[in-house]
Amino acid sequence: MITITQQAAAQIRRASEHADSEDMYLRLAAKRETDGNIEYGMGFDDMGGQDQLYTSEGVEVLIADSCKELLRGATLDYVEINPGEHEFIFTNPNDTRHQTQEV
């Protein structure tokens, strides 16, 4: 479904501890905009009735049924954009705009 890199998993675990969200799942969301581009979102959440649970690099990820196809084959990474500036990015074969988008 979706791949989370080791760097992203480590940062997600740090963020979960900092936000006191260790008992919650990482929710990933995606929606296609009117121009065809994909907009991404992520945060910690509880499981809902329409969610699928996946595990990548030890991170439990929730994805709503409505987002599954848009996120299929995507990779979530945590990279250094500029010296000292790190961000989560999605690399997604389903995004027509380009293959990588910062979050």
Protein backbone atom coordinates (compact mmCIF):
# COMPACT_ATOMS: atom_id res chain seq x y z
CA MET A 1 0.00 0.00 0.00
CA ILE A 2 2.28 2.80 1.25
CA THR A 3 5.93 2.69 2.21
CA ILE A 4 7.37 4.69 5.09
CA THR A 5 11.13 5.14 5.05
CA GLN A 6 13.26 4.53 8.13
CA GLN A 7 13.92 8.28 8.43
CA ALA A 8 10.21 9.10 8.31
CA ALA A 9 9.36 6.33 10.81
CA ALA A 10 11.93 7.65 13.28
CA GLN A 11 10.54 11.19 13.03
CA ILE A 12 6.94 9.93 13.35
CA ARG A 13 7.86 8.08 16.56
CA ARG A 14 9.55 11.22 17.95
CA ALA A 15 6.50 13.33 17.07
CA SER A 16 4.16 10.77 18.64
CA GLU A 17 6.12 10.82 21.90
CA HIS A 18 6.29 14.61 21.93
CA ALA A 19 2.54 14.96 21.29
CA ASP A 20 1.72 12.23 23.83
CA SER A 21 0.04 10.26 21.00
CA GLU A 22 1.75 6.89 21.46
CA ASP A 23 -1.64 5.12 21.70
CA MET A 24 -2.88 6.62 18.43
CA TYR A 25 -2.32 5.72 14.80
CA LEU A 26 -0.76 7.82 12.07
CA ARG A 27 -3.51 8.84 9.67
CA LEU A 28 -2.54 9.58 6.07
CA ALA A 29 -5.03 11.27 3.80
CA ALA A 30 -5.11 12.32 0.17
CA LYS A 31 -7.62 14.00 -2.09
CA ARG A 32 -7.53 14.92 -5.73
CA GLU A 33 -7.99 18.63 -6.37
CA THR A 34 -9.99 20.00 -9.30
CA ASP A 35 -6.76 20.59 -11.24
CA GLY A 36 -5.86 16.87 -10.89
CA ASN A 37 -3.12 17.35 -8.30
CA ILE A 38 -3.15 15.40 -5.04
CA GLU A 39 -3.22 17.19 -1.69
CA TYR A 40 -1.86 15.26 1.33
CA GLY A 41 -2.49 15.36 5.04
CA MET A 42 -1.23 13.48 8.07
CA GLY A 43 -1.75 13.44 11.81
CA PHE A 44 -2.43 11.17 14.77
CA ASP A 45 -5.93 9.75 15.08
CA ASP A 46 -8.12 6.90 16.35
CA MET A 47 -9.39 4.19 14.04
CA GLY A 48 -12.77 4.73 12.39
CA GLY A 49 -15.18 2.35 10.72
CA GLN A 50 -14.02 3.03 7.14
CA ASP A 51 -10.27 2.80 7.88
CA GLN A 52 -7.72 0.29 6.71
CA LEU A 53 -4.75 -0.42 8.99
CA TYR A 54 -1.29 -0.93 7.49
CA THR A 55 2.14 -1.24 9.07
CA SER A 56 5.36 0.05 7.52
CA GLU A 57 8.70 0.33 9.34
CA GLY A 58 6.88 -0.42 12.60
CA VAL A 59 4.48 2.53 12.17
CA GLU A 60 0.77 1.68 12.22
CA VAL A 61 -0.95 3.73 9.52
CA LEU A 62 -4.66 4.43 9.05
CA ILE A 63 -5.96 5.14 5.57
CA ALA A 64 -9.64 5.77 4.88
CA ASP A 65 -11.18 3.72 2.08
CA SER A 66 -11.70 6.94 0.12
CA CYS A 67 -7.92 7.59 0.08
CA LYS A 68 -6.61 4.09 -0.66
CA GLU A 69 -6.30 4.37 -4.43
CA LEU A 70 -4.63 7.78 -4.30
CA LEU A 71 -2.00 6.53 -1.84
CA ARG A 72 -1.39 3.12 -3.44
CA GLY A 73 2.33 2.80 -4.21
CA ALA A 74 3.27 6.07 -2.48
CA THR A 75 6.31 6.56 -0.24
CA LEU A 76 6.46 8.86 2.78
CA ASP A 77 9.98 10.11 3.51
CA TYR A 78 11.58 12.65 5.85
CA VAL A 79 14.37 14.52 4.08
CA GLU A 80 16.65 17.51 4.49
CA ILE A 81 15.34 20.08 2.00
CA ASN A 82 17.94 22.73 2.89
CA PRO A 83 20.74 22.54 5.48
CA GLY A 84 19.01 22.08 8.84
CA GLU A 85 15.50 22.14 7.27
CA HIS A 86 13.75 18.75 7.27
CA GLU A 87 10.27 17.97 5.90
CA PHE A 88 8.01 15.04 5.19
CA ILE A 89 7.53 14.41 1.47
CA PHE A 90 5.35 12.03 -0.51
CA THR A 91 6.63 10.36 -3.64
CA ASN A 92 3.55 9.12 -5.44
CA PRO A 93 3.13 7.52 -8.87
CA ASN A 94 -0.54 8.60 -8.81
CA ASP A 95 0.23 12.34 -8.60
CA THR A 96 0.17 13.77 -12.12
CA ARG A 97 1.74 17.08 -11.09
CA HIS A 98 5.03 15.57 -10.08
CA GLN A 99 6.28 12.58 -8.18
CA THR A 100 7.26 14.35 -4.94
CA GLN A 101 5.23 16.74 -2.77
CA GLU A 102 6.23 18.30 0.54
CA VAL A 103 3.81 18.14 3.47
